[in-house]
N, C-alpha and C. Protein backbone atom coordinates (compact mmCIF):
# COMPACT_ATOMS: atom_id res chain seq x y z
N UNK A 1 87.61 -73.65 48.87
CA UNK A 1 88.86 -72.71 49.43
C UNK A 1 89.33 -71.88 47.87
N UNK A 2 89.40 -72.35 46.78
CA UNK A 2 89.56 -71.52 45.34
C UNK A 2 88.04 -70.80 45.25
N UNK A 3 87.06 -70.84 45.88
CA UNK A 3 86.14 -70.15 45.65
C UNK A 3 86.10 -68.73 46.12
N UNK A 4 86.46 -69.07 47.67
CA UNK A 4 86.75 -68.16 48.23
C UNK A 4 87.65 -67.38 48.15
N UNK A 5 88.87 -67.45 47.61
CA UNK A 5 89.89 -66.92 46.78
C UNK A 5 89.55 -66.15 45.64
N UNK A 6 88.65 -66.46 45.00
CA UNK A 6 87.91 -65.67 43.87
C UNK A 6 87.25 -64.49 44.29
N UNK A 7 86.28 -64.58 45.18
CA UNK A 7 85.64 -64.01 45.70
C UNK A 7 86.01 -62.15 46.38
N UNK A 8 87.38 -62.93 47.22
CA UNK A 8 88.50 -61.97 47.55
C UNK A 8 89.12 -61.42 46.14
N UNK A 9 89.53 -61.95 45.43
CA UNK A 9 90.42 -61.30 44.10
C UNK A 9 89.24 -60.41 43.36
N UNK A 10 88.23 -60.89 42.92
CA UNK A 10 87.10 -59.84 42.23
C UNK A 10 87.35 -58.20 43.24
N UNK A 11 86.82 -58.91 44.65
CA UNK A 11 86.92 -57.70 45.66
C UNK A 11 88.28 -56.67 45.41
N UNK A 12 88.58 -57.43 45.50
CA UNK A 12 90.22 -56.93 45.43
C UNK A 12 90.70 -55.64 44.10
N UNK A 13 90.37 -56.57 42.98
CA UNK A 13 90.37 -56.04 41.12
C UNK A 13 89.45 -54.82 41.40
N UNK A 14 88.12 -54.77 41.82
CA UNK A 14 87.19 -53.90 42.00
C UNK A 14 87.35 -52.62 43.07
N UNK A 15 88.04 -52.71 43.99
CA UNK A 15 88.69 -51.65 44.78
C UNK A 15 89.81 -51.17 43.95
N UNK A 16 90.93 -51.95 43.62
CA UNK A 16 91.69 -51.31 42.85
C UNK A 16 91.53 -50.24 41.96
N UNK A 17 90.63 -50.92 40.64
CA UNK A 17 90.27 -50.39 39.64
C UNK A 17 89.31 -48.91 40.45
N UNK A 18 88.83 -48.90 41.19
CA UNK A 18 87.94 -47.60 41.61
C UNK A 18 88.95 -46.63 42.00
N UNK A 19 89.97 -47.40 42.89
CA UNK A 19 91.08 -46.22 43.47
C UNK A 19 91.65 -45.75 42.32
N UNK A 20 92.55 -46.56 41.44
CA UNK A 20 92.93 -45.81 40.32
C UNK A 20 92.23 -44.84 39.36
N UNK A 21 90.72 -44.80 39.39
CA UNK A 21 90.40 -43.94 38.49
C UNK A 21 89.98 -42.50 39.33
N UNK A 22 89.62 -42.52 40.59
CA UNK A 22 89.85 -41.85 41.00
C UNK A 22 91.24 -41.15 41.41
N UNK A 23 92.43 -41.89 41.55
CA UNK A 23 93.39 -40.99 41.43
C UNK A 23 93.93 -40.38 40.29
N UNK A 24 93.48 -41.25 39.29
CA UNK A 24 93.68 -40.64 37.81
C UNK A 24 93.04 -39.01 37.78
N UNK A 25 91.74 -39.13 38.49
CA UNK A 25 91.16 -37.85 38.46
C UNK A 25 91.60 -36.85 39.45
N UNK A 26 92.20 -36.96 40.66
CA UNK A 26 92.88 -36.78 41.70
C UNK A 26 94.06 -36.04 41.10
N UNK A 27 94.70 -36.58 40.04
CA UNK A 27 95.84 -35.99 39.88
C UNK A 27 95.59 -34.67 38.82
N UNK A 28 94.67 -34.69 38.23
CA UNK A 28 94.05 -33.76 37.55
C UNK A 28 93.88 -32.17 38.47
N UNK A 29 93.02 -32.57 39.73
CA UNK A 29 92.65 -31.95 40.57
C UNK A 29 92.97 -32.11 41.83
N UNK A 30 94.61 -31.88 42.20
CA UNK A 30 94.79 -31.93 43.69
C UNK A 30 94.01 -31.18 44.49
N UNK A 31 93.32 -30.42 44.76
CA UNK A 31 92.62 -29.26 45.31
C UNK A 31 91.39 -30.13 45.93
N UNK A 32 90.87 -31.10 44.85
CA UNK A 32 89.56 -31.74 45.28
C UNK A 32 89.70 -32.85 46.54
N UNK A 33 89.54 -31.93 47.99
CA UNK A 33 89.75 -33.01 49.12
C UNK A 33 88.44 -34.33 49.15
N UNK A 34 87.52 -34.25 48.24
CA UNK A 34 86.54 -35.06 48.19
C UNK A 34 87.15 -36.74 47.94
N UNK A 35 88.07 -36.27 46.88
CA UNK A 35 88.60 -37.55 46.01
C UNK A 35 89.15 -38.18 46.86
N UNK A 36 90.21 -37.10 47.48
CA UNK A 36 91.52 -37.61 48.78
C UNK A 36 90.32 -38.49 49.56
N UNK A 37 90.01 -38.05 50.10
CA UNK A 37 89.27 -38.92 51.24
C UNK A 37 88.31 -39.97 50.78
N UNK A 38 88.04 -40.30 49.55
CA UNK A 38 87.46 -41.21 48.80
C UNK A 38 88.74 -42.20 48.85
N UNK A 39 89.54 -41.58 48.00
CA UNK A 39 90.52 -42.59 48.08
C UNK A 39 91.14 -43.35 49.48
N UNK A 40 91.22 -42.57 50.33
CA UNK A 40 91.90 -43.07 51.58
C UNK A 40 90.96 -44.11 52.05
N UNK A 41 89.29 -43.69 51.95
CA UNK A 41 88.50 -44.92 52.26
C UNK A 41 88.65 -46.17 51.76
N UNK A 42 89.45 -46.32 50.28
CA UNK A 42 89.42 -47.68 50.05
C UNK A 42 90.47 -48.42 50.08
N UNK A 43 91.52 -47.87 51.20
CA UNK A 43 92.73 -47.98 51.56
C UNK A 43 92.66 -49.02 52.11
N UNK A 44 91.79 -49.06 53.38
CA UNK A 44 91.53 -50.39 53.84
C UNK A 44 90.89 -51.27 53.71
N UNK A 45 89.74 -51.26 53.00
CA UNK A 45 89.44 -52.58 52.08
C UNK A 45 90.37 -53.07 51.46
N UNK A 46 91.57 -52.53 50.64
CA UNK A 46 92.19 -53.11 49.54
C UNK A 46 93.40 -54.14 50.78
N UNK A 47 93.50 -53.34 51.74
CA UNK A 47 94.41 -54.26 52.80
C UNK A 47 93.75 -55.38 53.30
N UNK A 48 92.77 -55.20 53.25
CA UNK A 48 91.74 -56.31 53.77
C UNK A 48 91.77 -57.59 52.79
N UNK A 49 91.53 -57.35 51.81
CA UNK A 49 91.57 -57.99 50.44
C UNK A 49 92.80 -58.56 50.23
N UNK A 50 93.89 -57.80 50.16
CA UNK A 50 95.39 -58.53 50.12
C UNK A 50 96.17 -59.50 50.98
N UNK A 51 95.39 -59.26 52.60
CA UNK A 51 95.36 -60.01 53.58
C UNK A 51 94.97 -61.20 53.49
N UNK A 52 93.59 -61.35 52.69
CA UNK A 52 92.58 -62.69 52.84
C UNK A 52 93.83 -63.17 51.43
N UNK A 53 93.86 -63.03 50.15
CA UNK A 53 94.42 -63.30 48.86
C UNK A 53 95.80 -63.87 49.60
N UNK A 54 96.24 -63.14 50.77
CA UNK A 54 98.16 -64.14 50.66
C UNK A 54 98.01 -65.08 51.69
N UNK A 55 96.56 -64.70 52.59
CA UNK A 55 96.56 -66.00 53.72
C UNK A 55 96.02 -67.52 53.11
N UNK A 56 95.06 -66.90 51.85
CA UNK A 56 94.59 -68.32 50.58
C UNK A 56 95.89 -68.75 49.93
N UNK A 57 96.80 -67.81 49.39
CA UNK A 57 97.46 -68.50 48.73
C UNK A 57 98.60 -69.27 49.91
N UNK A 58 98.78 -68.98 51.09
CA UNK A 58 99.92 -69.49 51.99
C UNK A 58 98.98 -70.86 52.11
N UNK A 59 97.54 -70.65 52.40
CA UNK A 59 97.20 -72.38 52.64
C UNK A 59 97.19 -73.15 51.18
N UNK A 60 97.05 -72.51 50.33
CA UNK A 60 97.06 -73.89 48.86
C UNK A 60 98.78 -74.14 49.17
N UNK A 61 99.75 -73.47 49.52
CA UNK A 61 100.92 -73.64 48.75
C UNK A 61 101.39 -74.87 50.20
N UNK A 62 100.80 -74.76 51.34
CA UNK A 62 100.80 -75.49 52.35
C UNK A 62 100.53 -76.90 51.64
N UNK A 63 99.09 -77.07 51.51
CA UNK A 63 98.32 -78.01 50.71
C UNK A 63 99.03 -78.63 49.93
N UNK A 64 99.18 -78.17 48.65
CA UNK A 64 100.26 -78.55 48.09
C UNK A 64 101.76 -79.23 48.21
N UNK A 65 102.17 -78.31 48.84
CA UNK A 65 103.44 -79.03 49.62
C UNK A 65 103.34 -80.72 50.62
N UNK A 66 102.17 -80.43 51.51
CA UNK A 66 101.94 -81.61 51.95
C UNK A 66 101.31 -83.25 51.22
N UNK A 67 100.25 -82.42 50.14
CA UNK A 67 100.57 -83.43 49.10
C UNK A 67 101.47 -84.25 48.42
N UNK A 68 102.47 -83.02 48.16
CA UNK A 68 103.95 -83.82 47.09
C UNK A 68 104.34 -84.71 48.39
N UNK A 69 104.26 -84.25 49.96
CA UNK A 69 105.44 -85.24 50.51
C UNK A 69 104.15 -86.47 51.01
N UNK A 70 103.28 -86.43 51.04
CA UNK A 70 102.58 -87.62 51.28
C UNK A 70 102.47 -88.79 49.83
N UNK A 71 102.64 -87.93 48.34
CA UNK A 71 102.47 -88.57 47.51
C UNK A 71 103.59 -89.56 47.29
N UNK A 72 104.96 -89.11 47.82
CA UNK A 72 106.20 -89.06 47.69
C UNK A 72 106.39 -90.85 48.53
N UNK A 73 105.64 -90.51 49.50
CA UNK A 73 105.51 -91.72 50.63
C UNK A 73 104.96 -92.67 50.07
N UNK A 74 103.80 -92.52 49.42
CA UNK A 74 102.80 -93.73 48.92
C UNK A 74 103.69 -94.19 47.84
N UNK A 75 104.65 -93.71 47.03
CA UNK A 75 104.94 -94.10 46.05
C UNK A 75 105.77 -95.19 46.01
N UNK A 76 106.67 -94.77 47.57
CA UNK A 76 107.89 -95.60 48.05
C UNK A 76 107.07 -96.73 48.25
N UNK A 77 106.02 -96.95 49.50
CA UNK A 77 105.68 -97.98 50.08
C UNK A 77 105.01 -98.73 48.57
N UNK A 78 104.12 -98.12 47.73
CA UNK A 78 103.66 -99.07 46.48
C UNK A 78 105.23 -99.82 45.85
N UNK A 79 106.50 -99.05 45.58
CA UNK A 79 107.60 -99.30 44.83
C UNK A 79 108.20 -100.90 45.96
N UNK A 80 107.96 -100.32 47.32
CA UNK A 80 108.70 -101.55 47.97
C UNK A 80 107.81 -102.62 47.91
N UNK A 81 106.35 -102.77 47.80
CA UNK A 81 105.40 -103.80 47.79
C UNK A 81 105.61 -104.31 46.60
N UNK A 82 105.86 -103.70 45.60
CA UNK A 82 105.82 -104.50 44.34
C UNK A 82 107.63 -105.06 43.85
N UNK A 83 108.52 -104.86 44.93
CA UNK A 83 109.71 -105.45 44.40
C UNK A 83 109.56 -107.11 44.96
N UNK A 84 110.27 -107.74 44.58
CA UNK A 84 110.09 -109.61 45.13
C UNK A 84 110.93 -109.75 46.08
N UNK A 85 110.05 -109.83 47.52
CA UNK A 85 110.53 -110.25 48.62
C UNK A 85 112.16 -111.24 48.28
N UNK A 86 112.79 -111.05 49.05
CA UNK A 86 114.10 -112.02 49.24
C UNK A 86 114.05 -113.16 50.31
N UNK A 87 114.12 -114.57 50.47
CA UNK A 87 113.77 -115.04 51.37
C UNK A 87 115.23 -114.72 52.82
N UNK A 88 114.78 -114.75 53.58
CA UNK A 88 116.03 -114.48 54.71
C UNK A 88 117.33 -115.24 54.16
N UNK A 89 118.29 -114.57 54.51
CA UNK A 89 119.83 -115.55 54.31
C UNK A 89 119.93 -116.84 54.89
N UNK A 90 119.41 -117.02 56.18
CA UNK A 90 119.33 -118.29 56.83
C UNK A 90 118.48 -118.86 56.13
N UNK A 91 117.25 -118.80 55.40
CA UNK A 91 116.44 -119.58 54.89
C UNK A 91 116.87 -120.68 53.59
N UNK A 92 116.71 -121.57 53.63
CA UNK A 92 117.61 -122.62 52.53
C UNK A 92 116.86 -122.08 51.59
N UNK A 93 117.51 -122.16 50.41
CA UNK A 93 116.71 -121.79 49.23
C UNK A 93 116.15 -123.15 48.42
N UNK A 94 115.15 -123.28 47.73
CA UNK A 94 114.32 -124.37 47.05
C UNK A 94 115.04 -124.47 45.67
């Protein structure tokens, strides 16, 4: 899961860097419609990579949350088992 996220992160960073460089060139020459079309063509790729990254982040969050819930439950079980058991109140003590 982390490997997939790193691939999407790299794609996202590459697209963003390319878009930023094109935008810097476009601000110097706003009449250049070819640059505007290239910037516009990069936008869906950026949105797709952002969606994948947010889904990966949400799934990692859910896994961490589930792990912490299970870890608390397991620690309570271990703690309960480690405590000395008291005989029932009706059992005569030795």
